[in-house]
C-alpha cells in the first residue's frame, strides 16, 4: 500500500493462533515505548488500542521525502514500512527472550488501510476504543488502560494521541456518546 503524507491510516496486526501478545501490564507499556521510539518521527498517532492478542493504531503520516533510489516508494514510505517491521521484530525478540519462546509472534505482515473521509475516521476511532468492551475485557471503554480513550475523555494526560486533530472535528461529549454506542460492523477484519 502506498503511504502518503497527511493521510490517515489504520494499521494493525494480530498474533499467530491468537497467542497472547501481552502477558502483563509491563508488556503493554514496553510495546508502547517501542512504538514511540520507532514511529514517533513518522506518525501523528490519533488513537490506539492494545488488546491481548492484537493491536490497532490510527495514525496520520507526517512529512514526505523524495523517492528512494532503489524503490518506487518515497523514502519515508520505505522507512515507515521497514520501521514497523523492525518494531514488531524487536518486540518479538524481547517477548521470546522474556517468556522462553521461539519463532514468530505475529500472524503475518501488519495491515494498513487508508482512511479517506472524516466520518469513517471518527467511526474507526470509536470502533478501536470499543474493542475491550466487545471482547468482554471490560464493561466500559474508559476502564481499559491500554487505549487512547482515557486520554480523549481526560481521565489520563497521555501525550501519545494527537487528540486535537479529532477534537477539532467532533466534541469530546459527542465522541464519548459515539464510543458508548456499540459499533458492530466495520471493515477492519484481519
C-alpha atoms as a PDB file:
ATOM      1  CA  UNK A   1       0.000   0.000   0.000  1.00  0.00           C
ATOM      2  CA  UNK A   2       1.238   3.453  -0.876  1.00  0.00           C
ATOM      3  CA  UNK A   3       1.535   5.697   2.177  1.00  0.00           C
ATOM      4  CA  UNK A   4       1.018   9.429   1.592  1.00  0.00           C
ATOM      5  CA  UNK A   5       1.766  12.410   3.787  1.00  0.00           C
ATOM      6  CA  UNK A   6      -1.097  13.936   5.744  1.00  0.00           C
ATOM      7  CA  UNK A   7      -3.261  10.881   5.089  1.00  0.00           C
ATOM      8  CA  UNK A   8      -4.836   8.783   7.817  1.00  0.00           C
ATOM      9  CA  UNK A   9      -4.258   5.038   8.111  1.00  0.00           C
ATOM     10  CA  UNK A  10      -5.450   2.252  10.339  1.00  0.00           C
ATOM     11  CA  UNK A  11      -2.624  -0.162  10.934  1.00  0.00           C
ATOM     12  CA  UNK A  12      -2.999  -3.342  12.884  1.00  0.00           C
ATOM     13  CA  UNK A  13      -1.695  -6.829  13.429  1.00  0.00           C
ATOM     14  CA  UNK A  14      -2.552  -9.937  15.366  1.00  0.00           C
ATOM     15  CA  UNK A  15      -0.657 -12.876  16.780  1.00  0.00           C
ATOM     16  CA  UNK A  16      -0.392 -16.401  15.462  1.00  0.00           C
ATOM     17  CA  UNK A  17      -3.222 -18.609  16.733  1.00  0.00           C
ATOM     18  CA  UNK A  18      -4.466 -15.817  18.998  1.00  0.00           C
ATOM     19  CA  UNK A  19      -1.490 -16.325  21.297  1.00  0.00           C
ATOM     20  CA  UNK A  20      -1.139 -13.612  23.901  1.00  0.00           C
ATOM     21  CA  UNK A  21       0.810 -10.617  22.663  1.00  0.00           C
ATOM     22  CA  UNK A  22       0.783  -9.029  26.103  1.00  0.00           C
ATOM     23  CA  UNK A  23       1.009 -11.240  29.178  1.00  0.00           C
ATOM     24  CA  UNK A  24       1.466  -8.446  31.706  1.00  0.00           C
ATOM     25  CA  UNK A  25       0.922  -4.715  32.098  1.00  0.00           C
ATOM     26  CA  UNK A  26       4.667  -4.298  31.621  1.00  0.00           C
ATOM     27  CA  UNK A  27       4.381  -5.896  28.155  1.00  0.00           C
ATOM     28  CA  UNK A  28       1.787  -3.305  27.111  1.00  0.00           C
ATOM     29  CA  UNK A  29       3.910  -0.447  28.399  1.00  0.00           C
ATOM     30  CA  UNK A  30       7.068  -1.838  26.777  1.00  0.00           C
ATOM     31  CA  UNK A  31       5.292  -2.140  23.413  1.00  0.00           C
ATOM     32  CA  UNK A  32       4.088   1.476  23.602  1.00  0.00           C
ATOM     33  CA  UNK A  33       7.612   2.652  24.454  1.00  0.00           C
ATOM     34  CA  UNK A  34       8.996   0.777  21.452  1.00  0.00           C
ATOM     35  CA  UNK A  35       6.219   2.183  19.252  1.00  0.00           C
ATOM     36  CA  UNK A  36       7.137   5.725  20.289  1.00  0.00           C
ATOM     37  CA  UNK A  37      10.854   5.076  19.869  1.00  0.00           C
ATOM     38  CA  UNK A  38      10.497   3.709  16.351  1.00  0.00           C
ATOM     39  CA  UNK A  39       7.477   5.525  14.906  1.00  0.00           C
ATOM     40  CA  UNK A  40       7.009   8.962  16.515  1.00  0.00           C
ATOM     41  CA  UNK A  41       9.054  10.574  13.735  1.00  0.00           C
ATOM     42  CA  UNK A  42       6.738   9.174  11.052  1.00  0.00           C
ATOM     43  CA  UNK A  43       3.262   9.303  12.600  1.00  0.00           C
ATOM     44  CA  UNK A  44       0.880  11.566  14.396  1.00  0.00           C
ATOM     45  CA  UNK A  45      -0.901   8.958  16.463  1.00  0.00           C
ATOM     46  CA  UNK A  46      -4.618   9.698  16.527  1.00  0.00           C
ATOM     47  CA  UNK A  47      -5.692   6.734  18.608  1.00  0.00           C
ATOM     48  CA  UNK A  48      -4.756   3.217  19.580  1.00  0.00           C
ATOM     49  CA  UNK A  49      -5.888   0.139  21.433  1.00  0.00           C
ATOM     50  CA  UNK A  50      -3.659  -2.720  22.552  1.00  0.00           C
ATOM     51  CA  UNK A  51      -5.558  -5.949  23.053  1.00  0.00           C
ATOM     52  CA  UNK A  52      -4.278  -9.240  24.468  1.00  0.00           C
ATOM     53  CA  UNK A  53      -3.711 -10.797  21.015  1.00  0.00           C
ATOM     54  CA  UNK A  54      -3.701  -7.819  18.608  1.00  0.00           C
ATOM     55  CA  UNK A  55      -3.325  -4.066  18.313  1.00  0.00           C
ATOM     56  CA  UNK A  56      -4.824  -1.134  16.422  1.00  0.00           C
ATOM     57  CA  UNK A  57      -3.248   2.245  15.660  1.00  0.00           C
ATOM     58  CA  UNK A  58      -4.970   5.094  13.859  1.00  0.00           C
ATOM     59  CA  UNK A  59      -2.281   7.409  12.507  1.00  0.00           C
ATOM     60  CA  UNK A  60      -1.616  10.283  10.168  1.00  0.00           C
ATOM     61  CA  UNK A  61       1.600  10.182   8.139  1.00  0.00           C
ATOM     62  CA  UNK A  62       3.885  13.148   8.773  1.00  0.00           C
ATOM     63  CA  UNK A  63       6.147  14.735   6.144  1.00  0.00           C
ATOM     64  CA  UNK A  64       7.156  13.022   2.923  1.00  0.00           C
ATOM     65  CA  UNK A  65      10.644  12.897   1.425  1.00  0.00           C
ATOM     66  CA  UNK A  66      11.827  12.230  -2.163  1.00  0.00           C
ATOM     67  CA  UNK A  67      11.561   8.808  -3.762  1.00  0.00           C
ATOM     68  CA  UNK A  68      14.012   6.209  -2.520  1.00  0.00           C
ATOM     69  CA  UNK A  69      16.539   5.496  -5.324  1.00  0.00           C
ATOM     70  CA  UNK A  70      16.148   1.703  -5.074  1.00  0.00           C
ATOM     71  CA  UNK A  71      12.332   1.552  -4.996  1.00  0.00           C
ATOM     72  CA  UNK A  72       9.292   3.348  -6.336  1.00  0.00           C
ATOM     73  CA  UNK A  73       8.347   4.235  -2.787  1.00  0.00           C
ATOM     74  CA  UNK A  74       9.089   7.548  -1.133  1.00  0.00           C
ATOM     75  CA  UNK A  75      11.953   7.352   1.336  1.00  0.00           C
ATOM     76  CA  UNK A  76       9.532   7.862   4.199  1.00  0.00           C
ATOM     77  CA  UNK A  77       7.190   5.182   2.859  1.00  0.00           C
ATOM     78  CA  UNK A  78      10.112   2.763   2.546  1.00  0.00           C
ATOM     79  CA  UNK A  79      11.393   3.715   6.011  1.00  0.00           C
ATOM     80  CA  UNK A  80       7.949   3.523   7.623  1.00  0.00           C
ATOM     81  CA  UNK A  81       7.277   0.049   6.282  1.00  0.00           C
ATOM     82  CA  UNK A  82      10.705  -1.196   7.364  1.00  0.00           C
ATOM     83  CA  UNK A  83      10.494   0.561  10.718  1.00  0.00           C
ATOM     84  CA  UNK A  84       7.133  -1.009  11.552  1.00  0.00           C
ATOM     85  CA  UNK A  85       8.651  -4.398  10.711  1.00  0.00           C
ATOM     86  CA  UNK A  86      11.654  -3.592  12.935  1.00  0.00           C
ATOM     87  CA  UNK A  87       9.321  -2.626  15.799  1.00  0.00           C
ATOM     88  CA  UNK A  88       7.436  -5.919  15.533  1.00  0.00           C
ATOM     89  CA  UNK A  89      10.630  -7.994  15.253  1.00  0.00           C
ATOM     90  CA  UNK A  90      12.212  -6.138  18.158  1.00  0.00           C
ATOM     91  CA  UNK A  91       9.179  -6.688  20.372  1.00  0.00           C
ATOM     92  CA  UNK A  92       9.036 -10.353  19.334  1.00  0.00           C
ATOM     93  CA  UNK A  93      12.718 -10.871  20.236  1.00  0.00           C
ATOM     94  CA  UNK A  94      12.237  -9.298  23.680  1.00  0.00           C
ATOM     95  CA  UNK A  95       8.988 -11.215  24.241  1.00  0.00           C
ATOM     96  CA  UNK A  96      10.578 -14.513  23.173  1.00  0.00           C
ATOM     97  CA  UNK A  97      13.517 -13.955  25.498  1.00  0.00           C
ATOM     98  CA  UNK A  98      11.296 -12.985  28.433  1.00  0.00           C
ATOM     99  CA  UNK A  99       8.958 -15.975  28.036  1.00  0.00           C
ATOM    100  CA  UNK A 100      11.489 -18.516  26.744  1.00  0.00           C
ATOM    101  CA  UNK A 101       9.655 -18.994  23.472  1.00  0.00           C
ATOM    102  CA  UNK A 102      10.832 -19.214  19.865  1.00  0.00           C
ATOM    103  CA  UNK A 103       9.535 -18.217  16.466  1.00  0.00           C
ATOM    104  CA  UNK A 104       7.211 -15.649  15.018  1.00  0.00           C
ATOM    105  CA  UNK A 105       4.723 -13.974  17.312  1.00  0.00           C
ATOM    106  CA  UNK A 106       2.718 -12.170  14.634  1.00  0.00           C
ATOM    107  CA  UNK A 107       0.385 -13.889  12.186  1.00  0.00           C
ATOM    108  CA  UNK A 108       1.602 -12.045   9.108  1.00  0.00           C
ATOM    109  CA  UNK A 109       2.875  -8.705   7.972  1.00  0.00           C
ATOM    110  CA  UNK A 110       0.985  -5.833   9.575  1.00  0.00           C
ATOM    111  CA  UNK A 111      -2.012  -4.468   7.677  1.00  0.00           C
ATOM    112  CA  UNK A 112      -2.575  -0.805   6.775  1.00  0.00           C
ATOM    113  CA  UNK A 113      -5.803   0.675   5.463  1.00  0.00           C
ATOM    114  CA  UNK A 114      -6.272   4.206   4.124  1.00  0.00           C
ATOM    115  CA  UNK A 115      -8.959   6.226   5.890  1.00  0.00           C
ATOM    116  CA  UNK A 116     -10.287   8.560   3.231  1.00  0.00           C
ATOM    117  CA  UNK A 117     -13.009  10.588   4.944  1.00  0.00           C
ATOM    118  CA  UNK A 118     -13.659  12.258   8.285  1.00  0.00           C
ATOM    119  CA  UNK A 119     -16.825  10.311   9.087  1.00  0.00           C
ATOM    120  CA  UNK A 120     -15.007   6.991   8.688  1.00  0.00           C
ATOM    121  CA  UNK A 121     -12.049   8.356  10.686  1.00  0.00           C
ATOM    122  CA  UNK A 122     -14.270   9.133  13.670  1.00  0.00           C
ATOM    123  CA  UNK A 123     -16.218   5.873  13.311  1.00  0.00           C
ATOM    124  CA  UNK A 124     -12.982   3.890  13.212  1.00  0.00           C
ATOM    125  CA  UNK A 125     -11.590   5.686  16.269  1.00  0.00           C
ATOM    126  CA  UNK A 126     -14.713   4.825  18.256  1.00  0.00           C
ATOM    127  CA  UNK A 127     -14.587   1.248  16.966  1.00  0.00           C
ATOM    128  CA  UNK A 128     -10.953   0.950  18.091  1.00  0.00           C
ATOM    129  CA  UNK A 129     -11.827   2.317  21.527  1.00  0.00           C
ATOM    130  CA  UNK A 130     -14.740  -0.146  21.829  1.00  0.00           C
ATOM    131  CA  UNK A 131     -12.522  -3.206  21.303  1.00  0.00           C
ATOM    132  CA  UNK A 132     -12.118  -4.093  25.007  1.00  0.00           C
ATOM    133  CA  UNK A 133     -15.876  -3.856  25.584  1.00  0.00           C
ATOM    134  CA  UNK A 134     -16.718  -6.007  22.540  1.00  0.00           C
ATOM    135  CA  UNK A 135     -14.122  -8.566  23.677  1.00  0.00           C
ATOM    136  CA  UNK A 136     -15.628  -8.718  27.169  1.00  0.00           C
ATOM    137  CA  UNK A 137     -12.450  -7.467  28.844  1.00  0.00           C
ATOM    138  CA  UNK A 138     -14.262  -4.560  30.462  1.00  0.00           C
ATOM    139  CA  UNK A 139     -17.772  -3.148  30.623  1.00  0.00           C
ATOM    140  CA  UNK A 140     -16.813   0.434  29.743  1.00  0.00           C
ATOM    141  CA  UNK A 141     -14.236   1.695  27.240  1.00  0.00           C
ATOM    142  CA  UNK A 142     -12.832   4.133  29.788  1.00  0.00           C
ATOM    143  CA  UNK A 143     -11.829   1.246  32.073  1.00  0.00           C
ATOM    144  CA  UNK A 144      -9.301  -0.177  29.580  1.00  0.00           C
ATOM    145  CA  UNK A 145      -5.834   1.184  30.380  1.00  0.00           C
ATOM    146  CA  UNK A 146      -4.203   0.310  27.070  1.00  0.00           C
ATOM    147  CA  UNK A 147      -6.067   2.525  24.648  1.00  0.00           C
ATOM    148  CA  UNK A 148      -6.132   6.243  23.935  1.00  0.00           C
ATOM    149  CA  UNK A 149      -9.731   6.583  25.089  1.00  0.00           C
ATOM    150  CA  UNK A 150      -8.811   7.681  28.627  1.00  0.00           C
ATOM    151  CA  UNK A 151      -6.761  10.488  27.074  1.00  0.00           C
ATOM    152  CA  UNK A 152      -9.690  11.630  24.940  1.00  0.00           C
ATOM    153  CA  UNK A 153     -12.043  11.914  27.901  1.00  0.00           C
ATOM    154  CA  UNK A 154      -9.390  13.464  30.185  1.00  0.00           C
ATOM    155  CA  UNK A 155      -9.051  10.570  32.625  1.00  0.00           C
ATOM    156  CA  UNK A 156      -5.348  10.485  31.754  1.00  0.00           C
ATOM    157  CA  UNK A 157      -2.960  13.112  30.404  1.00  0.00           C
ATOM    158  CA  UNK A 158      -1.016  10.918  27.988  1.00  0.00           C
ATOM    159  CA  UNK A 159       0.975  12.581  25.246  1.00  0.00           C
ATOM    160  CA  UNK A 160       0.814   9.856  22.584  1.00  0.00           C
ATOM    161  CA  UNK A 161      -2.544  10.575  20.931  1.00  0.00           C
ATOM    162  CA  UNK A 162      -2.819  13.823  18.991  1.00  0.00           C
ATOM    163  CA  UNK A 163      -6.322  14.490  20.312  1.00  0.00           C
ATOM    164  CA  UNK A 164      -6.635  17.978  18.865  1.00  0.00           C
ATOM    165  CA  UNK A 165      -6.865  16.541  15.337  1.00  0.00           C
ATOM    166  CA  UNK A 166     -10.086  14.679  16.217  1.00  0.00           C
ATOM    167  CA  UNK A 167     -11.431  17.178  18.736  1.00  0.00           C
ATOM    168  CA  UNK A 168     -11.365  19.836  16.015  1.00  0.00           C
ATOM    169  CA  UNK A 169     -13.897  17.631  14.132  1.00  0.00           C
ATOM    170  CA  UNK A 170     -16.093  16.390  16.977  1.00  0.00           C
ATOM    171  CA  UNK A 171     -16.753  17.456  20.555  1.00  0.00           C
ATOM    172  CA  UNK A 172     -15.472  15.377  23.460  1.00  0.00           C
ATOM    173  CA  UNK A 173     -19.111  14.834  24.537  1.00  0.00           C
ATOM    174  CA  UNK A 174     -20.130  13.541  21.091  1.00  0.00           C
ATOM    175  CA  UNK A 175     -17.076  11.280  20.947  1.00  0.00           C
ATOM    176  CA  UNK A 176     -17.983   9.874  24.380  1.00  0.00           C
ATOM    177  CA  UNK A 177     -21.557   9.206  23.221  1.00  0.00           C
ATOM    178  CA  UNK A 178     -20.390   7.540  19.997  1.00  0.00           C
ATOM    179  CA  UNK A 179     -17.923   5.332  21.857  1.00  0.00           C
ATOM    180  CA  UNK A 180     -20.634   4.197  24.237  1.00  0.00           C
ATOM    181  CA  UNK A 181     -22.940   3.169  21.351  1.00  0.00           C
ATOM    182  CA  UNK A 182     -21.693  -0.196  20.150  1.00  0.00           C
ATOM    183  CA  UNK A 183     -20.469  -0.341  16.553  1.00  0.00           C
ATOM    184  CA  UNK A 184     -20.916  -3.906  15.343  1.00  0.00           C
ATOM    185  CA  UNK A 185     -19.935  -3.837  11.695  1.00  0.00           C
ATOM    186  CA  UNK A 186     -16.944  -2.039  10.280  1.00  0.00           C
ATOM    187  CA  UNK A 187     -14.461  -3.103   7.631  1.00  0.00           C
ATOM    188  CA  UNK A 188     -11.495  -3.919   9.882  1.00  0.00           C
ATOM    189  CA  UNK A 189     -11.338  -7.686   9.526  1.00  0.00           C
ATOM    190  CA  UNK A 190      -7.892  -9.236   9.696  1.00  0.00           C
END
